[in-house]
């Protein structure tokens, strides 16, 4: 498609080369102080896991040292990390959460 400019010449319109935004995975890390019940609560509250799925992921974090809680756009992933960190601090747990590109 072309458009007319102010001087009367025709300029070819370029198509934007848009890429979908990159996705980030949110990771939960194991520690020796945060209770398993609290981890399950966090997974249900912030990641909308049902009880079975939350317990399964909590066990994966416990046994493997970390696990992916979900994959989101960058802003959503960073927000979830901050929400989890703040909630854990409010309850005096050192629960660690991070995000990294997929």
PDB file of N, CA and C in Angstrom:
ATOM      1  N   UNK A   1       0.847  -1.165   0.000  1.00  0.00           N
ATOM      2  CA  UNK A   1       0.000   0.000   0.000  1.00  0.00           C
ATOM      3  C   UNK A   1       0.898   1.236   0.000  1.00  0.00           C
ATOM      4  N   UNK A   2       0.484   2.256  -0.680  1.00  0.00           N
ATOM      5  CA  UNK A   2       1.282   3.469  -0.706  1.00  0.00           C
ATOM      6  C   UNK A   2       0.419   4.643  -0.250  1.00  0.00           C
ATOM      7  N   UNK A   3       1.087   5.695   0.182  1.00  0.00           N
ATOM      8  CA  UNK A   3       0.375   6.891   0.637  1.00  0.00           C
ATOM      9  C   UNK A   3       0.976   8.114  -0.039  1.00  0.00           C
ATOM     10  N   UNK A   4       0.204   9.167  -0.104  1.00  0.00           N
ATOM     11  CA  UNK A   4       0.662  10.406  -0.718  1.00  0.00           C
ATOM     12  C   UNK A   4       1.267  11.293   0.364  1.00  0.00           C
ATOM     13  N   UNK A   5       2.426  11.853   0.088  1.00  0.00           N
ATOM     14  CA  UNK A   5       3.057  12.761   1.041  1.00  0.00           C
ATOM     15  C   UNK A   5       2.617  14.184   0.741  1.00  0.00           C
ATOM     16  N   UNK A   6       3.074  15.118   1.551  1.00  0.00           N
ATOM     17  CA  UNK A   6       2.663  16.508   1.409  1.00  0.00           C
ATOM     18  C   UNK A   6       3.101  17.124   0.077  1.00  0.00           C
ATOM     19  N   UNK A   7       4.193  16.656  -0.510  1.00  0.00           N
ATOM     20  CA  UNK A   7       4.693  17.252  -1.734  1.00  0.00           C
ATOM     21  C   UNK A   7       4.083  16.607  -2.975  1.00  0.00           C
ATOM     22  N   UNK A   8       3.296  15.575  -2.782  1.00  0.00           N
ATOM     23  CA  UNK A   8       2.658  14.965  -3.926  1.00  0.00           C
ATOM     24  C   UNK A   8       3.370  13.737  -4.446  1.00  0.00           C
ATOM     25  N   UNK A   9       4.466  13.308  -3.851  1.00  0.00           N
ATOM     26  CA  UNK A   9       5.137  12.097  -4.291  1.00  0.00           C
ATOM     27  C   UNK A   9       4.554  10.907  -3.549  1.00  0.00           C
ATOM     28  N   UNK A  10       4.703   9.777  -4.139  1.00  0.00           N
ATOM     29  CA  UNK A  10       4.173   8.557  -3.548  1.00  0.00           C
ATOM     30  C   UNK A  10       5.299   7.823  -2.820  1.00  0.00           C
ATOM     31  N   UNK A  11       5.032   7.471  -1.601  1.00  0.00           N
ATOM     32  CA  UNK A  11       6.014   6.767  -0.792  1.00  0.00           C
ATOM     33  C   UNK A  11       5.423   5.415  -0.423  1.00  0.00           C
ATOM     34  N   UNK A  12       6.204   4.384  -0.593  1.00  0.00           N
ATOM     35  CA  UNK A  12       5.738   3.039  -0.284  1.00  0.00           C
ATOM     36  C   UNK A  12       5.742   2.832   1.232  1.00  0.00           C
ATOM     37  N   UNK A  13       4.631   2.357   1.753  1.00  0.00           N
ATOM     38  CA  UNK A  13       4.520   2.132   3.184  1.00  0.00           C
ATOM     39  C   UNK A  13       5.196   0.815   3.552  1.00  0.00           C
ATOM     40  N   UNK A  14       6.016   0.855   4.597  1.00  0.00           N
ATOM     41  CA  UNK A  14       6.720  -0.347   5.032  1.00  0.00           C
ATOM     42  C   UNK A  14       5.905  -1.060   6.094  1.00  0.00           C
ATOM     43  N   UNK A  15       5.951  -2.368   6.026  1.00  0.00           N
ATOM     44  CA  UNK A  15       5.284  -3.164   7.046  1.00  0.00           C
ATOM     45  C   UNK A  15       6.186  -3.248   8.266  1.00  0.00           C
ATOM     46  N   UNK A  16       5.582  -3.143   9.407  1.00  0.00           N
ATOM     47  CA  UNK A  16       6.355  -3.254  10.652  1.00  0.00           C
ATOM     48  C   UNK A  16       6.736  -4.715  10.865  1.00  0.00           C
ATOM     49  N   UNK A  17       7.980  -4.923  11.254  1.00  0.00           N
ATOM     50  CA  UNK A  17       8.469  -6.269  11.520  1.00  0.00           C
ATOM     51  C   UNK A  17       8.344  -6.526  13.019  1.00  0.00           C
ATOM     52  N   UNK A  18       7.144  -6.840  13.462  1.00  0.00           N
ATOM     53  CA  UNK A  18       6.877  -7.022  14.878  1.00  0.00           C
ATOM     54  C   UNK A  18       7.057  -8.479  15.278  1.00  0.00           C
ATOM     55  N   UNK A  19       7.657  -8.663  16.428  1.00  0.00           N
ATOM     56  CA  UNK A  19       7.823 -10.004  16.980  1.00  0.00           C
ATOM     57  C   UNK A  19       6.989 -10.087  18.252  1.00  0.00           C
ATOM     58  N   UNK A  20       6.516 -11.264  18.569  1.00  0.00           N
ATOM     59  CA  UNK A  20       5.789 -11.380  19.836  1.00  0.00           C
ATOM     60  C   UNK A  20       6.747 -11.116  21.001  1.00  0.00           C
ATOM     61  N   UNK A  21       6.221 -10.595  22.099  1.00  0.00           N
ATOM     62  CA  UNK A  21       7.110 -10.301  23.224  1.00  0.00           C
ATOM     63  C   UNK A  21       7.715 -11.583  23.791  1.00  0.00           C
ATOM     64  N   UNK A  22       8.920 -11.493  24.322  1.00  0.00           N
ATOM     65  CA  UNK A  22       9.544 -12.691  24.904  1.00  0.00           C
ATOM     66  C   UNK A  22       8.828 -13.108  26.177  1.00  0.00           C
ATOM     67  N   UNK A  23       8.869 -14.381  26.459  1.00  0.00           N
ATOM     68  CA  UNK A  23       8.248 -14.896  27.671  1.00  0.00           C
ATOM     69  C   UNK A  23       9.314 -15.181  28.722  1.00  0.00           C
ATOM     70  N   UNK A  24       8.903 -15.087  29.967  1.00  0.00           N
ATOM     71  CA  UNK A  24       9.785 -15.326  31.105  1.00  0.00           C
ATOM     72  C   UNK A  24       9.166 -16.393  31.992  1.00  0.00           C
ATOM     73  N   UNK A  25      10.013 -17.262  32.523  1.00  0.00           N
ATOM     74  CA  UNK A  25       9.519 -18.265  33.455  1.00  0.00           C
ATOM     75  C   UNK A  25       9.815 -17.803  34.879  1.00  0.00           C
ATOM     76  N   UNK A  26       8.838 -18.020  35.750  1.00  0.00           N
ATOM     77  CA  UNK A  26       9.002 -17.688  37.158  1.00  0.00           C
ATOM     78  C   UNK A  26       9.454 -18.951  37.874  1.00  0.00           C
ATOM     79  N   UNK A  27      10.569 -18.849  38.587  1.00  0.00           N
ATOM     80  CA  UNK A  27      11.138 -19.988  39.314  1.00  0.00           C
ATOM     81  C   UNK A  27      10.986 -19.778  40.808  1.00  0.00           C
ATOM     82  N   UNK A  28      10.669 -20.847  41.514  1.00  0.00           N
ATOM     83  CA  UNK A  28      10.666 -20.824  42.966  1.00  0.00           C
ATOM     84  C   UNK A  28      11.844 -21.667  43.422  1.00  0.00           C
ATOM     85  N   UNK A  29      12.583 -21.164  44.423  1.00  0.00           N
ATOM     86  CA  UNK A  29      13.798 -21.821  44.901  1.00  0.00           C
ATOM     87  C   UNK A  29      13.583 -22.408  46.297  1.00  0.00           C
ATOM     88  N   UNK A  30      14.205 -23.531  46.538  1.00  0.00           N
ATOM     89  CA  UNK A  30      14.113 -24.194  47.829  1.00  0.00           C
ATOM     90  C   UNK A  30      14.964 -23.465  48.868  1.00  0.00           C
ATOM     91  N   UNK A  31      14.519 -23.510  50.116  1.00  0.00           N
ATOM     92  CA  UNK A  31      15.338 -23.053  51.241  1.00  0.00           C
ATOM     93  C   UNK A  31      15.013 -23.939  52.438  1.00  0.00           C
ATOM     94  N   UNK A  32      15.785 -23.804  53.484  1.00  0.00           N
ATOM     95  CA  UNK A  32      15.630 -24.677  54.653  1.00  0.00           C
ATOM     96  C   UNK A  32      14.684 -24.118  55.708  1.00  0.00           C
ATOM     97  N   UNK A  33      14.074 -22.973  55.468  1.00  0.00           N
ATOM     98  CA  UNK A  33      13.291 -22.323  56.507  1.00  0.00           C
ATOM     99  C   UNK A  33      11.816 -22.142  56.168  1.00  0.00           C
ATOM    100  N   UNK A  34      11.475 -21.955  54.901  1.00  0.00           N
ATOM    101  CA  UNK A  34      10.085 -21.755  54.501  1.00  0.00           C
ATOM    102  C   UNK A  34       9.338 -23.078  54.609  1.00  0.00           C
ATOM    103  N   UNK A  35       8.180 -23.045  55.252  1.00  0.00           N
ATOM    104  CA  UNK A  35       7.419 -24.284  55.445  1.00  0.00           C
ATOM    105  C   UNK A  35       6.772 -24.733  54.140  1.00  0.00           C
ATOM    106  N   UNK A  36       6.543 -26.017  54.047  1.00  0.00           N
ATOM    107  CA  UNK A  36       5.892 -26.560  52.852  1.00  0.00           C
ATOM    108  C   UNK A  36       4.468 -26.027  52.729  1.00  0.00           C
ATOM    109  N   UNK A  37       3.792 -25.860  53.858  1.00  0.00           N
ATOM    110  CA  UNK A  37       2.427 -25.315  53.815  1.00  0.00           C
ATOM    111  C   UNK A  37       2.403 -23.897  53.252  1.00  0.00           C
ATOM    112  N   UNK A  38       3.408 -23.100  53.604  1.00  0.00           N
ATOM    113  CA  UNK A  38       3.468 -21.731  53.095  1.00  0.00           C
ATOM    114  C   UNK A  38       3.723 -21.724  51.589  1.00  0.00           C
ATOM    115  N   UNK A  39       4.602 -22.598  51.119  1.00  0.00           N
ATOM    116  CA  UNK A  39       4.884 -22.686  49.674  1.00  0.00           C
ATOM    117  C   UNK A  39       3.610 -23.063  48.922  1.00  0.00           C
ATOM    118  N   UNK A  40       2.865 -24.030  49.447  1.00  0.00           N
ATOM    119  CA  UNK A  40       1.601 -24.432  48.810  1.00  0.00           C
ATOM    120  C   UNK A  40       0.634 -23.256  48.788  1.00  0.00           C
ATOM    121  N   UNK A  41       0.549 -22.524  49.890  1.00  0.00           N
ATOM    122  CA  UNK A  41      -0.329 -21.345  49.947  1.00  0.00           C
ATOM    123  C   UNK A  41       0.053 -20.318  48.890  1.00  0.00           C
ATOM    124  N   UNK A  42       1.352 -20.052  48.744  1.00  0.00           N
ATOM    125  CA  UNK A  42       1.836 -19.079  47.750  1.00  0.00           C
ATOM    126  C   UNK A  42       1.478 -19.538  46.334  1.00  0.00           C
ATOM    127  N   UNK A  43       1.670 -20.809  46.054  1.00  0.00           N
ATOM    128  CA  UNK A  43       1.356 -21.326  44.712  1.00  0.00           C
ATOM    129  C   UNK A  43      -0.133 -21.213  44.416  1.00  0.00           C
ATOM    130  N   UNK A  44      -0.959 -21.411  45.410  1.00  0.00           N
ATOM    131  CA  UNK A  44      -2.399 -21.273  45.202  1.00  0.00           C
ATOM    132  C   UNK A  44      -2.795 -19.809  45.068  1.00  0.00           C
ATOM    133  N   UNK A  45      -2.246 -18.964  45.914  1.00  0.00           N
ATOM    134  CA  UNK A  45      -2.628 -17.547  45.954  1.00  0.00           C
ATOM    135  C   UNK A  45      -2.138 -16.775  44.727  1.00  0.00           C
ATOM    136  N   UNK A  46      -0.894 -16.972  44.327  1.00  0.00           N
ATOM    137  CA  UNK A  46      -0.304 -16.138  43.274  1.00  0.00           C
ATOM    138  C   UNK A  46      -0.244 -16.791  41.901  1.00  0.00           C
ATOM    139  N   UNK A  47      -0.393 -18.120  41.847  1.00  0.00           N
ATOM    140  CA  UNK A  47      -0.304 -18.808  40.560  1.00  0.00           C
ATOM    141  C   UNK A  47      -1.562 -19.613  40.234  1.00  0.00           C
ATOM    142  N   UNK A  48      -2.577 -19.492  41.087  1.00  0.00           N
ATOM    143  CA  UNK A  48      -3.892 -20.113  40.871  1.00  0.00           C
ATOM    144  C   UNK A  48      -3.810 -21.633  40.699  1.00  0.00           C
ATOM    145  N   UNK A  49      -2.910 -22.275  41.442  1.00  0.00           N
ATOM    146  CA  UNK A  49      -2.803 -23.729  41.400  1.00  0.00           C
ATOM    147  C   UNK A  49      -3.871 -24.336  42.298  1.00  0.00           C
ATOM    148  N   UNK A  50      -4.422 -25.473  41.879  1.00  0.00           N
ATOM    149  CA  UNK A  50      -5.287 -26.209  42.805  1.00  0.00           C
ATOM    150  C   UNK A  50      -4.376 -26.926  43.804  1.00  0.00           C
ATOM    151  N   UNK A  51      -4.953 -27.492  44.844  1.00  0.00           N
ATOM    152  CA  UNK A  51      -4.163 -28.061  45.932  1.00  0.00           C
ATOM    153  C   UNK A  51      -3.233 -29.181  45.449  1.00  0.00           C
ATOM    154  N   UNK A  52      -3.715 -30.049  44.568  1.00  0.00           N
ATOM    155  CA  UNK A  52      -2.890 -31.170  44.093  1.00  0.00           C
ATOM    156  C   UNK A  52      -1.687 -30.680  43.298  1.00  0.00           C
ATOM    157  N   UNK A  53      -1.948 -29.726  42.435  1.00  0.00           N
ATOM    158  CA  UNK A  53      -0.864 -29.194  41.602  1.00  0.00           C
ATOM    159  C   UNK A  53       0.147 -28.410  42.454  1.00  0.00           C
ATOM    160  N   UNK A  54      -0.362 -27.670  43.445  1.00  0.00           N
ATOM    161  CA  UNK A  54       0.516 -26.898  44.329  1.00  0.00           C
ATOM    162  C   UNK A  54       1.411 -27.823  45.150  1.00  0.00           C
ATOM    163  N   UNK A  55       0.856 -28.898  45.669  1.00  0.00           N
ATOM    164  CA  UNK A  55       1.650 -29.855  46.454  1.00  0.00           C
ATOM    165  C   UNK A  55       2.697 -30.515  45.560  1.00  0.00           C
ATOM    166  N   UNK A  56       2.319 -30.891  44.345  1.00  0.00           N
ATOM    167  CA  UNK A  56       3.262 -31.526  43.423  1.00  0.00           C
ATOM    168  C   UNK A  56       4.423 -30.588  43.098  1.00  0.00           C
ATOM    169  N   UNK A  57       4.131 -29.311  42.851  1.00  0.00           N
ATOM    170  CA  UNK A  57       5.207 -28.372  42.532  1.00  0.00           C
ATOM    171  C   UNK A  57       6.059 -28.081  43.765  1.00  0.00           C
ATOM    172  N   UNK A  58       5.443 -28.001  44.928  1.00  0.00           N
ATOM    173  CA  UNK A  58       6.201 -27.796  46.162  1.00  0.00           C
ATOM    174  C   UNK A  58       7.198 -28.930  46.363  1.00  0.00           C
ATOM    175  N   UNK A  59       6.772 -30.150  46.099  1.00  0.00           N
ATOM    176  CA  UNK A  59       7.669 -31.306  46.237  1.00  0.00           C
ATOM    177  C   UNK A  59       8.797 -31.242  45.210  1.00  0.00           C
ATOM    178  N   UNK A  60       8.493 -30.782  44.016  1.00  0.00           N
ATOM    179  CA  UNK A  60       9.528 -30.634  42.984  1.00  0.00           C
ATOM    180  C   UNK A  60      10.562 -29.590  43.418  1.00  0.00           C
ATOM    181  N   UNK A  61      10.092 -28.476  43.966  1.00  0.00           N
ATOM    182  CA  UNK A  61      11.007 -27.448  44.479  1.00  0.00           C
ATOM    183  C   UNK A  61      11.873 -28.048  45.581  1.00  0.00           C
ATOM    184  N   UNK A  62      11.252 -28.781  46.474  1.00  0.00           N
ATOM    185  CA  UNK A  62      11.962 -29.370  47.609  1.00  0.00           C
ATOM    186  C   UNK A  62      13.037 -30.369  47.162  1.00  0.00           C
ATOM    187  N   UNK A  63      12.694 -31.214  46.199  1.00  0.00           N
ATOM    188  CA  UNK A  63      13.622 -32.263  45.767  1.00  0.00           C
ATOM    189  C   UNK A  63      14.662 -31.785  44.746  1.00  0.00           C
ATOM    190  N   UNK A  64      14.256 -30.887  43.855  1.00  0.00           N
ATOM    191  CA  UNK A  64      15.152 -30.448  42.774  1.00  0.00           C
ATOM    192  C   UNK A  64      15.854 -29.121  43.061  1.00  0.00           C
ATOM    193  N   UNK A  65      15.449 -28.435  44.102  1.00  0.00           N
ATOM    194  CA  UNK A  65      16.071 -27.150  44.436  1.00  0.00           C
ATOM    195  C   UNK A  65      15.381 -25.945  43.834  1.00  0.00           C
ATOM    196  N   UNK A  66      14.648 -26.150  42.754  1.00  0.00           N
ATOM    197  CA  UNK A  66      13.865 -25.077  42.126  1.00  0.00           C
ATOM    198  C   UNK A  66      12.894 -25.705  41.146  1.00  0.00           C
ATOM    199  N   UNK A  67      11.879 -24.940  40.787  1.00  0.00           N
ATOM    200  CA  UNK A  67      10.900 -25.410  39.801  1.00  0.00           C
ATOM    201  C   UNK A  67      10.224 -24.201  39.160  1.00  0.00           C
ATOM    202  N   UNK A  68       9.723 -24.408  37.945  1.00  0.00           N
ATOM    203  CA  UNK A  68       9.026 -23.356  37.206  1.00  0.00           C
ATOM    204  C   UNK A  68       7.577 -23.301  37.682  1.00  0.00           C
ATOM    205  N   UNK A  69       7.159 -22.108  38.112  1.00  0.00           N
ATOM    206  CA  UNK A  69       5.777 -21.895  38.570  1.00  0.00           C
ATOM    207  C   UNK A  69       4.856 -21.497  37.425  1.00  0.00           C
ATOM    208  N   UNK A  70       5.424 -20.944  36.366  1.00  0.00           N
ATOM    209  CA  UNK A  70       4.614 -20.518  35.231  1.00  0.00           C
ATOM    210  C   UNK A  70       5.448 -19.714  34.256  1.00  0.00           C
ATOM    211  N   UNK A  71       4.884 -19.493  33.082  1.00  0.00           N
ATOM    212  CA  UNK A  71       5.537 -18.716  32.021  1.00  0.00           C
ATOM    213  C   UNK A  71       4.606 -17.560  31.672  1.00  0.00           C
ATOM    214  N   UNK A  72       5.176 -16.341  31.673  1.00  0.00           N
ATOM    215  CA  UNK A  72       4.375 -15.133  31.512  1.00  0.00           C
ATOM    216  C   UNK A  72       5.146 -14.112  30.677  1.00  0.00           C
ATOM    217  N   UNK A  73       4.451 -13.031  30.315  1.00  0.00           N
ATOM    218  CA  UNK A  73       5.161 -11.902  29.713  1.00  0.00           C
ATOM    219  C   UNK A  73       6.096 -11.332  30.773  1.00  0.00           C
ATOM    220  N   UNK A  74       7.064 -10.540  30.357  1.00  0.00           N
ATOM    221  CA  UNK A  74       8.085 -10.024  31.278  1.00  0.00           C
ATOM    222  C   UNK A  74       7.465  -9.260  32.444  1.00  0.00           C
ATOM    223  N   UNK A  75       6.545  -8.358  32.151  1.00  0.00           N
ATOM    224  CA  UNK A  75       5.948  -7.534  33.207  1.00  0.00           C
ATOM    225  C   UNK A  75       5.163  -8.373  34.211  1.00  0.00           C
ATOM    226  N   UNK A  76       4.402  -9.321  33.717  1.00  0.00           N
ATOM    227  CA  UNK A  76       3.627 -10.182  34.608  1.00  0.00           C
ATOM    228  C   UNK A  76       4.560 -11.033  35.463  1.00  0.00           C
ATOM    229  N   UNK A  77       5.598 -11.597  34.857  1.00  0.00           N
ATOM    230  CA  UNK A  77       6.554 -12.434  35.597  1.00  0.00           C
ATOM    231  C   UNK A  77       7.234 -11.628  36.695  1.00  0.00           C
ATOM    232  N   UNK A  78       7.704 -10.435  36.370  1.00  0.00           N
ATOM    233  CA  UNK A  78       8.386  -9.612  37.373  1.00  0.00           C
ATOM    234  C   UNK A  78       7.436  -9.188  38.496  1.00  0.00           C
ATOM    235  N   UNK A  79       6.195  -8.913  38.148  1.00  0.00           N
ATOM    236  CA  UNK A  79       5.205  -8.550  39.160  1.00  0.00           C
ATOM    237  C   UNK A  79       4.943  -9.713  40.103  1.00  0.00           C
ATOM    238  N   UNK A  80       4.805 -10.914  39.546  1.00  0.00           N
ATOM    239  CA  UNK A  80       4.573 -12.088  40.387  1.00  0.00           C
ATOM    240  C   UNK A  80       5.751 -12.331  41.327  1.00  0.00           C
ATOM    241  N   UNK A  81       6.966 -12.179  40.824  1.00  0.00           N
ATOM    242  CA  UNK A  81       8.161 -12.356  41.667  1.00  0.00           C
ATOM    243  C   UNK A  81       8.121 -11.368  42.829  1.00  0.00           C
ATOM    244  N   UNK A  82       7.830 -10.120  42.548  1.00  0.00           N
ATOM    245  CA  UNK A  82       7.790  -9.105  43.607  1.00  0.00           C
ATOM    246  C   UNK A  82       6.658  -9.375  44.601  1.00  0.00           C
ATOM    247  N   UNK A  83       5.500  -9.782  44.116  1.00  0.00           N
ATOM    248  CA  UNK A  83       4.383 -10.078  45.008  1.00  0.00           C
ATOM    249  C   UNK A  83       4.720 -11.238  45.948  1.00  0.00           C
ATOM    250  N   UNK A  84       5.323 -12.285  45.400  1.00  0.00           N
ATOM    251  CA  UNK A  84       5.706 -13.441  46.213  1.00  0.00           C
ATOM    252  C   UNK A  84       6.768 -13.034  47.234  1.00  0.00           C
ATOM    253  N   UNK A  85       7.763 -12.295  46.811  1.00  0.00           N
ATOM    254  CA  UNK A  85       8.819 -11.851  47.736  1.00  0.00           C
ATOM    255  C   UNK A  85       8.234 -11.010  48.870  1.00  0.00           C
ATOM    256  N   UNK A  86       7.380 -10.065  48.526  1.00  0.00           N
ATOM    257  CA  UNK A  86       6.776  -9.202  49.545  1.00  0.00           C
ATOM    258  C   UNK A  86       5.916 -10.009  50.519  1.00  0.00           C
ATOM    259  N   UNK A  87       5.133 -10.922  49.991  1.00  0.00           N
ATOM    260  CA  UNK A  87       4.262 -11.748  50.828  1.00  0.00           C
ATOM    261  C   UNK A  87       5.100 -12.622  51.764  1.00  0.00           C
ATOM    262  N   UNK A  88       6.165 -13.197  51.246  1.00  0.00           N
ATOM    263  CA  UNK A  88       7.040 -14.035  52.069  1.00  0.00           C
ATOM    264  C   UNK A  88       7.689 -13.200  53.178  1.00  0.00           C
ATOM    265  N   UNK A  89       8.148 -11.997  52.852  1.00  0.00           N
ATOM    266  CA  UNK A  89       8.776 -11.139  53.861  1.00  0.00           C
ATOM    267  C   UNK A  89       7.773 -10.743  54.945  1.00  0.00           C
ATOM    268  N   UNK A  90       6.543 -10.477  54.535  1.00  0.00           N
ATOM    269  CA  UNK A  90       5.501 -10.123  55.509  1.00  0.00           C
ATOM    270  C   UNK A  90       5.279 -11.259  56.513  1.00  0.00           C
ATOM    271  N   UNK A  91       5.480 -12.481  56.055  1.00  0.00           N
ATOM    272  CA  UNK A  91       5.299 -13.653  56.912  1.00  0.00           C
ATOM    273  C   UNK A  91       6.627 -14.178  57.463  1.00  0.00           C
ATOM    274  N   UNK A  92       7.684 -13.383  57.269  1.00  0.00           N
ATOM    275  CA  UNK A  92       9.020 -13.666  57.792  1.00  0.00           C
ATOM    276  C   UNK A  92       9.616 -14.981  57.293  1.00  0.00           C
ATOM    277  N   UNK A  93       9.427 -15.226  55.995  1.00  0.00           N
ATOM    278  CA  UNK A  93      10.046 -16.376  55.338  1.00  0.00           C
ATOM    279  C   UNK A  93      11.041 -15.881  54.291  1.00  0.00           C
ATOM    280  N   UNK A  94      12.135 -16.605  54.110  1.00  0.00           N
ATOM    281  CA  UNK A  94      13.131 -16.201  53.111  1.00  0.00           C
ATOM    282  C   UNK A  94      12.871 -16.806  51.721  1.00  0.00           C
ATOM    283  N   UNK A  95      11.637 -17.106  51.415  1.00  0.00           N
ATOM    284  CA  UNK A  95      11.295 -17.747  50.138  1.00  0.00           C
ATOM    285  C   UNK A  95      11.830 -16.924  48.980  1.00  0.00           C
ATOM    286  N   UNK A  96      12.532 -17.587  48.071  1.00  0.00           N
ATOM    287  CA  UNK A  96      13.110 -16.917  46.902  1.00  0.00           C
ATOM    288  C   UNK A  96      12.343 -17.287  45.643  1.00  0.00           C
ATOM    289  N   UNK A  97      12.134 -16.279  44.831  1.00  0.00           N
ATOM    290  CA  UNK A  97      11.465 -16.444  43.548  1.00  0.00           C
ATOM    291  C   UNK A  97      12.261 -15.602  42.563  1.00  0.00           C
ATOM    292  N   UNK A  98      12.395 -16.075  41.334  1.00  0.00           N
ATOM    293  CA  UNK A  98      13.125 -15.314  40.318  1.00  0.00           C
ATOM    294  C   UNK A  98      12.452 -15.526  38.974  1.00  0.00           C
ATOM    295  N   UNK A  99      12.856 -14.730  37.986  1.00  0.00           N
ATOM    296  CA  UNK A  99      12.351 -14.944  36.629  1.00  0.00           C
ATOM    297  C   UNK A  99      13.519 -14.871  35.658  1.00  0.00           C
ATOM    298  N   UNK A 100      13.379 -15.610  34.576  1.00  0.00           N
ATOM    299  CA  UNK A 100      14.413 -15.637  33.527  1.00  0.00           C
ATOM    300  C   UNK A 100      13.747 -15.880  32.188  1.00  0.00           C
ATOM    301  N   UNK A 101      14.378 -15.424  31.104  1.00  0.00           N
ATOM    302  CA  UNK A 101      13.796 -15.635  29.775  1.00  0.00           C
ATOM    303  C   UNK A 101      13.676 -17.128  29.465  1.00  0.00           C
ATOM    304  N   UNK A 102      12.630 -17.457  28.731  1.00  0.00           N
ATOM    305  CA  UNK A 102      12.418 -18.857  28.330  1.00  0.00           C
ATOM    306  C   UNK A 102      13.345 -19.173  27.184  1.00  0.00           C
TER     307      UNK A 102
END
